[in-house]
Structure formats: structure tokens, C-alpha cells
Amino acid sequence: LPTDDLERRLLGRPMSFGLALVALRELYDLSQVELAKKVGMSKQHICDIEKERRFVSPAKAASIARKLGHPESYFVKLALQDLVNQDGLKYRVILEAA
């Protein structure tokens, strides 16, 4: 199955940056306050991202990934896809290193 189809089957919808952040926070057993300190953001900003009320730039996504020790490319892809989806565009982001 393509990744998008698998995510839709497991989550009921495609993965988003906010959902990925929630999953990592729960994996590491961190509160929103602890995660916020770790990545240099406010607790409210973390909450807004997780609830998909706010979105992050690709650069911010890469920074968060580095601070959490995860691959930048996956987080950048999710951030870009969120922005595309937010604009109502029917495109799927595929990311490759330059």
C-alpha cells in the first residue's frame, strides 16, 4: 500500500505534522510544556499545532525534527503537505534531497 493509503487506514486520515508531533510527544512521554521547552516554543503554540489550528514552515519543521533527533525530510514533507492541504489544493507532496 502507498504510505498515504496506509496512514488513512490506520489513522482514518493522512498523517499531518500535528498528528506526528502528538505521536512523538506521547512516545517520549512528554507533556506539551516539556515538548515546548525541548523545541523552543510556547506550550500554546504546541497545542495549536497539535490541534491543527496553526501550521509550521518547512524550516521550523526541520528545526523541530533536529531537536527531537528525527529525520528532517519526513517532518518537512508533513509541513509542506499541511500547507498544500490548508490551501485546498489536491496535490500530494513528494520530497527528495537536492
N, C-alpha and C. Protein backbone atom coordinates (compact mmCIF):
# COMPACT_ATOMS: atom_id res chain seq x y z
N LEU A 1 0.83 -1.20 0.00
CA LEU A 1 0.00 0.00 0.00
C LEU A 1 0.87 1.25 0.00
N PRO A 2 0.50 2.26 -0.75
CA PRO A 2 1.21 3.54 -0.65
C PRO A 2 1.06 4.11 0.76
N THR A 3 2.02 4.91 1.18
CA THR A 3 2.03 5.47 2.53
C THR A 3 0.74 6.21 2.86
N ASP A 4 0.24 7.02 1.94
CA ASP A 4 -0.99 7.78 2.20
C ASP A 4 -2.16 6.85 2.48
N ASP A 5 -2.26 5.76 1.72
CA ASP A 5 -3.34 4.79 1.93
C ASP A 5 -3.21 4.10 3.28
N LEU A 6 -1.98 3.74 3.65
CA LEU A 6 -1.75 3.09 4.94
C LEU A 6 -2.10 4.03 6.08
N GLU A 7 -1.67 5.29 5.98
CA GLU A 7 -1.99 6.27 7.03
C GLU A 7 -3.50 6.45 7.15
N ARG A 8 -4.17 6.51 6.03
CA ARG A 8 -5.63 6.70 6.03
C ARG A 8 -6.31 5.50 6.71
N ARG A 9 -5.80 4.30 6.46
CA ARG A 9 -6.39 3.11 7.07
C ARG A 9 -6.12 3.06 8.58
N LEU A 10 -4.91 3.45 8.99
CA LEU A 10 -4.54 3.39 10.41
C LEU A 10 -5.11 4.55 11.21
N LEU A 11 -5.10 5.74 10.64
CA LEU A 11 -5.49 6.95 11.36
C LEU A 11 -6.89 7.45 11.00
N GLY A 12 -7.42 6.97 9.90
CA GLY A 12 -8.68 7.48 9.41
C GLY A 12 -8.50 8.71 8.53
N ARG A 13 -7.26 9.16 8.40
CA ARG A 13 -6.90 10.30 7.55
C ARG A 13 -5.39 10.29 7.37
N PRO A 14 -4.88 11.04 6.43
CA PRO A 14 -3.42 11.09 6.23
C PRO A 14 -2.71 11.72 7.44
N MET A 15 -1.47 11.36 7.62
CA MET A 15 -0.65 11.92 8.69
C MET A 15 -0.46 13.41 8.44
N SER A 16 -0.44 14.17 9.52
CA SER A 16 -0.15 15.61 9.45
C SER A 16 1.00 15.90 10.39
N PHE A 17 1.55 17.09 10.29
CA PHE A 17 2.63 17.48 11.19
C PHE A 17 2.12 17.45 12.64
N GLY A 18 0.92 17.97 12.86
CA GLY A 18 0.33 17.98 14.20
C GLY A 18 0.16 16.59 14.78
N LEU A 19 -0.34 15.65 13.97
CA LEU A 19 -0.51 14.27 14.44
C LEU A 19 0.84 13.63 14.75
N ALA A 20 1.84 13.92 13.91
CA ALA A 20 3.18 13.37 14.15
C ALA A 20 3.76 13.92 15.44
N LEU A 21 3.53 15.20 15.72
CA LEU A 21 4.03 15.81 16.94
C LEU A 21 3.37 15.17 18.17
N VAL A 22 2.07 14.95 18.10
CA VAL A 22 1.36 14.28 19.21
C VAL A 22 1.95 12.89 19.42
N ALA A 23 2.13 12.14 18.34
CA ALA A 23 2.66 10.77 18.44
C ALA A 23 4.04 10.76 19.09
N LEU A 24 4.92 11.67 18.67
CA LEU A 24 6.26 11.72 19.26
C LEU A 24 6.21 12.15 20.72
N ARG A 25 5.37 13.11 21.02
CA ARG A 25 5.25 13.57 22.41
C ARG A 25 4.79 12.41 23.29
N GLU A 26 3.82 11.65 22.82
CA GLU A 26 3.32 10.51 23.59
C GLU A 26 4.35 9.39 23.66
N LEU A 27 5.08 9.17 22.57
CA LEU A 27 6.13 8.15 22.55
C LEU A 27 7.19 8.44 23.61
N TYR A 28 7.57 9.70 23.73
CA TYR A 28 8.59 10.10 24.69
C TYR A 28 8.01 10.45 26.05
N ASP A 29 6.70 10.28 26.20
CA ASP A 29 6.00 10.56 27.46
C ASP A 29 6.29 11.98 27.96
N LEU A 30 6.11 12.93 27.05
CA LEU A 30 6.33 14.34 27.37
C LEU A 30 5.01 15.08 27.44
N SER A 31 4.93 16.04 28.33
CA SER A 31 3.78 16.94 28.35
C SER A 31 4.00 17.98 27.25
N GLN A 32 2.97 18.74 26.95
CA GLN A 32 3.13 19.81 25.97
C GLN A 32 4.15 20.84 26.47
N VAL A 33 4.16 21.09 27.76
CA VAL A 33 5.12 22.05 28.33
C VAL A 33 6.54 21.53 28.14
N GLU A 34 6.78 20.24 28.42
CA GLU A 34 8.11 19.66 28.26
C GLU A 34 8.56 19.68 26.81
N LEU A 35 7.65 19.34 25.91
CA LEU A 35 7.99 19.35 24.49
C LEU A 35 8.29 20.78 24.04
N ALA A 36 7.49 21.72 24.49
CA ALA A 36 7.68 23.12 24.12
C ALA A 36 9.08 23.59 24.52
N LYS A 37 9.51 23.26 25.73
CA LYS A 37 10.85 23.64 26.18
C LYS A 37 11.92 22.99 25.32
N LYS A 38 11.71 21.73 24.99
CA LYS A 38 12.69 20.97 24.22
C LYS A 38 12.90 21.56 22.82
N VAL A 39 11.83 22.06 22.22
CA VAL A 39 11.94 22.59 20.85
C VAL A 39 11.95 24.11 20.78
N GLY A 40 11.87 24.77 21.93
CA GLY A 40 11.96 26.23 21.97
C GLY A 40 10.72 26.96 21.49
N MET A 41 9.58 26.46 21.90
CA MET A 41 8.30 27.08 21.53
C MET A 41 7.45 27.21 22.79
N SER A 42 6.34 27.94 22.66
CA SER A 42 5.42 28.03 23.79
C SER A 42 4.52 26.80 23.83
N LYS A 43 3.99 26.53 25.01
CA LYS A 43 3.05 25.42 25.17
C LYS A 43 1.82 25.65 24.31
N GLN A 44 1.35 26.90 24.24
CA GLN A 44 0.16 27.21 23.44
C GLN A 44 0.41 26.96 21.95
N HIS A 45 1.62 27.30 21.49
CA HIS A 45 1.95 27.07 20.09
C HIS A 45 1.94 25.57 19.79
N ILE A 46 2.51 24.77 20.68
CA ILE A 46 2.50 23.31 20.53
C ILE A 46 1.05 22.81 20.48
N CYS A 47 0.22 23.28 21.38
CA CYS A 47 -1.18 22.89 21.41
C CYS A 47 -1.87 23.25 20.09
N ASP A 48 -1.64 24.45 19.60
CA ASP A 48 -2.25 24.89 18.35
C ASP A 48 -1.80 24.05 17.16
N ILE A 49 -0.53 23.66 17.13
CA ILE A 49 -0.02 22.80 16.06
C ILE A 49 -0.68 21.43 16.14
N GLU A 50 -0.72 20.87 17.34
CA GLU A 50 -1.32 19.54 17.52
C GLU A 50 -2.80 19.52 17.12
N LYS A 51 -3.50 20.60 17.39
CA LYS A 51 -4.93 20.70 17.06
C LYS A 51 -5.15 21.22 15.64
N GLU A 52 -4.04 21.46 14.91
CA GLU A 52 -4.06 21.93 13.53
C GLU A 52 -4.76 23.28 13.37
N ARG A 53 -4.60 24.11 14.40
CA ARG A 53 -5.06 25.50 14.32
C ARG A 53 -3.96 26.39 13.77
N ARG A 54 -2.71 25.91 13.87
CA ARG A 54 -1.54 26.62 13.34
C ARG A 54 -0.68 25.61 12.60
N PHE A 55 0.07 26.11 11.64
CA PHE A 55 0.95 25.25 10.86
C PHE A 55 2.37 25.79 10.96
N VAL A 56 3.34 24.95 10.68
CA VAL A 56 4.74 25.38 10.77
C VAL A 56 5.33 25.46 9.37
N SER A 57 6.34 26.30 9.25
CA SER A 57 7.08 26.42 7.99
C SER A 57 7.96 25.18 7.82
N PRO A 58 8.39 24.91 6.60
CA PRO A 58 9.33 23.80 6.40
C PRO A 58 10.61 23.97 7.22
N ALA A 59 11.10 25.20 7.34
CA ALA A 59 12.32 25.44 8.13
C ALA A 59 12.09 25.12 9.60
N LYS A 60 10.94 25.51 10.14
CA LYS A 60 10.62 25.22 11.55
C LYS A 60 10.45 23.72 11.74
N ALA A 61 9.85 23.05 10.77
CA ALA A 61 9.68 21.60 10.84
C ALA A 61 11.04 20.90 10.90
N ALA A 62 11.98 21.37 10.08
CA ALA A 62 13.33 20.80 10.08
C ALA A 62 14.01 21.02 11.43
N SER A 63 13.85 22.20 11.99
CA SER A 63 14.43 22.53 13.29
C SER A 63 13.87 21.63 14.40
N ILE A 64 12.57 21.46 14.39
CA ILE A 64 11.93 20.60 15.40
C ILE A 64 12.43 19.16 15.25
N ALA A 65 12.51 18.68 14.02
CA ALA A 65 13.00 17.31 13.77
C ALA A 65 14.41 17.14 14.33
N ARG A 66 15.29 18.11 14.07
CA ARG A 66 16.67 18.02 14.57
C ARG A 66 16.69 17.98 16.09
N LYS A 67 15.90 18.83 16.72
CA LYS A 67 15.87 18.90 18.19
C LYS A 67 15.33 17.62 18.81
N LEU A 68 14.48 16.91 18.07
CA LEU A 68 13.93 15.65 18.57
C LEU A 68 14.70 14.43 18.08
N GLY A 69 15.72 14.66 17.25
CA GLY A 69 16.54 13.56 16.75
C GLY A 69 15.86 12.69 15.70
N HIS A 70 15.04 13.32 14.86
CA HIS A 70 14.33 12.58 13.82
C HIS A 70 14.67 13.13 12.45
N PRO A 71 14.41 12.37 11.40
CA PRO A 71 14.75 12.81 10.05
C PRO A 71 14.03 14.10 9.65
N GLU A 72 14.79 15.07 9.21
CA GLU A 72 14.22 16.35 8.79
C GLU A 72 13.27 16.17 7.62
N SER A 73 13.63 15.33 6.67
CA SER A 73 12.86 15.22 5.43
C SER A 73 11.41 14.83 5.69
N TYR A 74 11.16 13.93 6.61
CA TYR A 74 9.79 13.49 6.89
C TYR A 74 8.97 14.64 7.48
N PHE A 75 9.56 15.38 8.40
CA PHE A 75 8.84 16.49 9.03
C PHE A 75 8.62 17.64 8.05
N VAL A 76 9.59 17.90 7.19
CA VAL A 76 9.44 18.94 6.17
C VAL A 76 8.32 18.54 5.21
N LYS A 77 8.29 17.28 4.80
CA LYS A 77 7.23 16.80 3.91
C LYS A 77 5.87 17.01 4.55
N LEU A 78 5.73 16.65 5.83
CA LEU A 78 4.44 16.81 6.51
C LEU A 78 4.05 18.28 6.59
N ALA A 79 5.00 19.15 6.89
CA ALA A 79 4.71 20.58 6.98
C ALA A 79 4.27 21.13 5.64
N LEU A 80 4.95 20.75 4.58
CA LEU A 80 4.58 21.20 3.24
C LEU A 80 3.19 20.67 2.85
N GLN A 81 2.93 19.40 3.16
CA GLN A 81 1.63 18.82 2.83
C GLN A 81 0.52 19.54 3.58
N ASP A 82 0.76 19.88 4.84
CA ASP A 82 -0.24 20.63 5.61
C ASP A 82 -0.57 21.96 4.92
N LEU A 83 0.46 22.66 4.45
CA LEU A 83 0.25 23.94 3.79
C LEU A 83 -0.53 23.77 2.48
N VAL A 84 -0.20 22.75 1.72
CA VAL A 84 -0.92 22.46 0.48
C VAL A 84 -2.38 22.14 0.78
N ASN A 85 -2.61 21.29 1.78
CA ASN A 85 -3.97 20.91 2.16
C ASN A 85 -4.77 22.11 2.66
N GLN A 86 -4.11 22.96 3.45
CA GLN A 86 -4.76 24.14 4.01
C GLN A 86 -5.29 25.04 2.90
N ASP A 87 -4.58 25.10 1.79
CA ASP A 87 -5.00 25.92 0.67
C ASP A 87 -6.02 25.23 -0.23
N GLY A 88 -6.42 24.01 0.16
CA GLY A 88 -7.44 23.30 -0.59
C GLY A 88 -6.96 22.71 -1.91
N LEU A 89 -5.66 22.61 -2.06
CA LEU A 89 -5.09 22.05 -3.28
C LEU A 89 -5.06 20.52 -3.20
N LYS A 90 -5.37 19.88 -4.28
CA LYS A 90 -5.43 18.42 -4.32
C LYS A 90 -4.12 17.86 -4.89
N TYR A 91 -3.03 18.09 -4.15
CA TYR A 91 -1.72 17.59 -4.54
C TYR A 91 -1.11 16.82 -3.38
N ARG A 92 -0.24 15.87 -3.72
CA ARG A 92 0.49 15.13 -2.71
C ARG A 92 1.95 15.52 -2.81
N VAL A 93 2.54 15.89 -1.69
CA VAL A 93 3.94 16.33 -1.66
C VAL A 93 4.85 15.11 -1.64
N ILE A 94 5.80 15.11 -2.56
CA ILE A 94 6.86 14.11 -2.58
C ILE A 94 8.16 14.88 -2.48
N LEU A 95 8.97 14.52 -1.51
CA LEU A 95 10.18 15.30 -1.22
C LEU A 95 11.41 14.44 -1.49
N GLU A 96 12.39 15.04 -2.14
CA GLU A 96 13.67 14.36 -2.33
C GLU A 96 14.79 15.36 -2.09
N ALA A 97 15.89 14.85 -1.60
CA ALA A 97 17.04 15.71 -1.30
C ALA A 97 17.62 16.28 -2.59
N ALA A 98 18.09 17.51 -2.50
CA ALA A 98 18.68 18.17 -3.68
C ALA A 98 20.10 17.71 -3.88
